[in-house]
Amino acid sequence: MIEKLNKLDSNLLKLEELDKDRFSFNNFKEINIQLENVVNEIMSSINTDLEKSLNADEQVYLGQILSKIEKLEAKILPKANLLNSFSKSII
């Protein structure tokens, strides 16, 4: 599970870098797809192993990741929505 959480964290770092650099909607979409895949893997792993709960380290790490997601969402989502609305208005 830690390996999957590391993959998730790595993709979140990519989003942070995207936010620091010039924002690209295409890069955002690509990273978002990667994030969705990792989250689906984690959910699948949790669903197939219902008896196993996360250990203390995994719970702390997951809490840190969730906090990072909330911060990124607040920073990036408005940019993504704005770019998406511009791209629709151009068409």
Protein backbone atom coordinates (compact mmCIF):
# COMPACT_ATOMS: atom_id res chain seq x y z
CA MET A 1 0.00 0.00 0.00
CA ILE A 2 2.86 2.40 0.77
CA GLU A 3 4.12 1.94 -2.80
CA LYS A 4 0.73 3.01 -4.18
CA LEU A 5 0.58 5.96 -1.82
CA ASN A 6 4.08 6.96 -3.01
CA LYS A 7 2.82 6.92 -6.62
CA LEU A 8 -0.09 9.10 -5.60
CA ASP A 9 2.21 11.51 -3.79
CA SER A 10 4.54 11.63 -6.79
CA ASN A 11 1.67 12.65 -9.07
CA LEU A 12 0.60 15.30 -6.60
CA LEU A 13 4.14 16.68 -6.70
CA LYS A 14 3.78 16.93 -10.48
CA LEU A 15 0.64 19.00 -9.95
CA GLU A 16 2.49 21.26 -7.54
CA GLU A 17 5.22 21.81 -10.13
CA LEU A 18 2.57 22.48 -12.78
CA ASP A 19 1.08 25.13 -10.53
CA LYS A 20 4.48 26.78 -10.02
CA ASP A 21 5.31 26.78 -13.74
CA ARG A 22 3.17 28.13 -16.52
CA PHE A 23 -0.13 26.28 -16.14
CA SER A 24 -0.94 23.94 -19.01
CA PHE A 25 -4.41 22.48 -19.24
CA ASN A 26 -3.13 19.55 -21.35
CA ASN A 27 -0.51 18.67 -18.74
CA PHE A 28 -3.14 19.04 -16.04
CA LYS A 29 -5.44 16.59 -17.84
CA GLU A 30 -2.59 14.09 -18.29
CA ILE A 31 -1.57 14.24 -14.63
CA ASN A 32 -5.20 14.05 -13.58
CA ILE A 33 -5.64 10.80 -15.56
CA GLN A 34 -2.55 9.37 -13.85
CA LEU A 35 -3.96 10.38 -10.47
CA GLU A 36 -7.29 8.73 -11.25
CA ASN A 37 -5.51 5.50 -12.19
CA VAL A 38 -3.53 5.44 -8.94
CA VAL A 39 -6.61 6.21 -6.86
CA ASN A 40 -8.48 3.40 -8.64
CA GLU A 41 -5.59 1.02 -7.84
CA ILE A 42 -5.71 2.03 -4.19
CA MET A 43 -9.48 1.64 -4.01
CA SER A 44 -9.28 -1.74 -5.72
CA SER A 45 -6.62 -2.85 -3.27
CA ILE A 46 -8.73 -1.72 -0.33
CA ASN A 47 -11.87 -3.41 -1.71
CA THR A 48 -10.12 -6.74 -2.33
CA ASP A 49 -8.54 -6.75 1.10
CA LEU A 50 -11.44 -5.64 3.29
CA GLU A 51 -10.17 -7.30 6.46
CA LYS A 52 -6.85 -5.48 6.31
CA SER A 53 -6.91 -1.98 7.71
CA LEU A 54 -4.22 0.61 7.17
CA ASN A 55 -1.39 0.54 9.69
CA ALA A 56 -0.45 3.68 11.62
CA ASP A 57 2.23 4.78 9.13
CA GLU A 58 -0.13 4.32 6.19
CA GLN A 59 -2.86 6.29 7.97
CA VAL A 60 -0.49 9.20 8.70
CA TYR A 61 0.80 9.18 5.13
CA LEU A 62 -2.71 9.06 3.73
CA GLY A 63 -3.69 11.99 5.96
CA GLN A 64 -0.76 14.01 4.60
CA ILE A 65 -1.74 13.16 1.03
CA LEU A 66 -5.36 14.18 1.64
CA SER A 67 -4.17 17.49 3.07
CA LYS A 68 -1.98 18.04 0.02
CA ILE A 69 -4.92 17.24 -2.28
CA GLU A 70 -7.11 19.82 -0.53
CA LYS A 71 -4.43 22.52 -0.87
CA LEU A 72 -3.82 21.72 -4.53
CA GLU A 73 -7.52 21.65 -5.27
CA ALA A 74 -7.91 25.15 -3.84
CA LYS A 75 -5.00 26.45 -5.95
CA ILE A 76 -5.39 24.57 -9.23
CA LEU A 77 -9.10 23.94 -9.70
CA PRO A 78 -9.97 27.61 -10.39
CA LYS A 79 -7.23 27.76 -13.04
CA ALA A 80 -8.37 24.53 -14.66
CA ASN A 81 -11.99 25.66 -14.70
CA LEU A 82 -11.04 29.01 -16.18
CA LEU A 83 -8.94 27.44 -18.93
CA ASN A 84 -11.66 24.90 -19.64
CA SER A 85 -14.28 27.65 -19.99
CA PHE A 86 -11.99 29.60 -22.34
CA SER A 87 -11.38 26.54 -24.49
CA LYS A 88 -15.13 25.95 -24.77
CA SER A 89 -15.82 29.58 -25.68
CA ILE A 90 -13.20 29.50 -28.45
CA ILE A 91 -14.91 26.56 -30.16
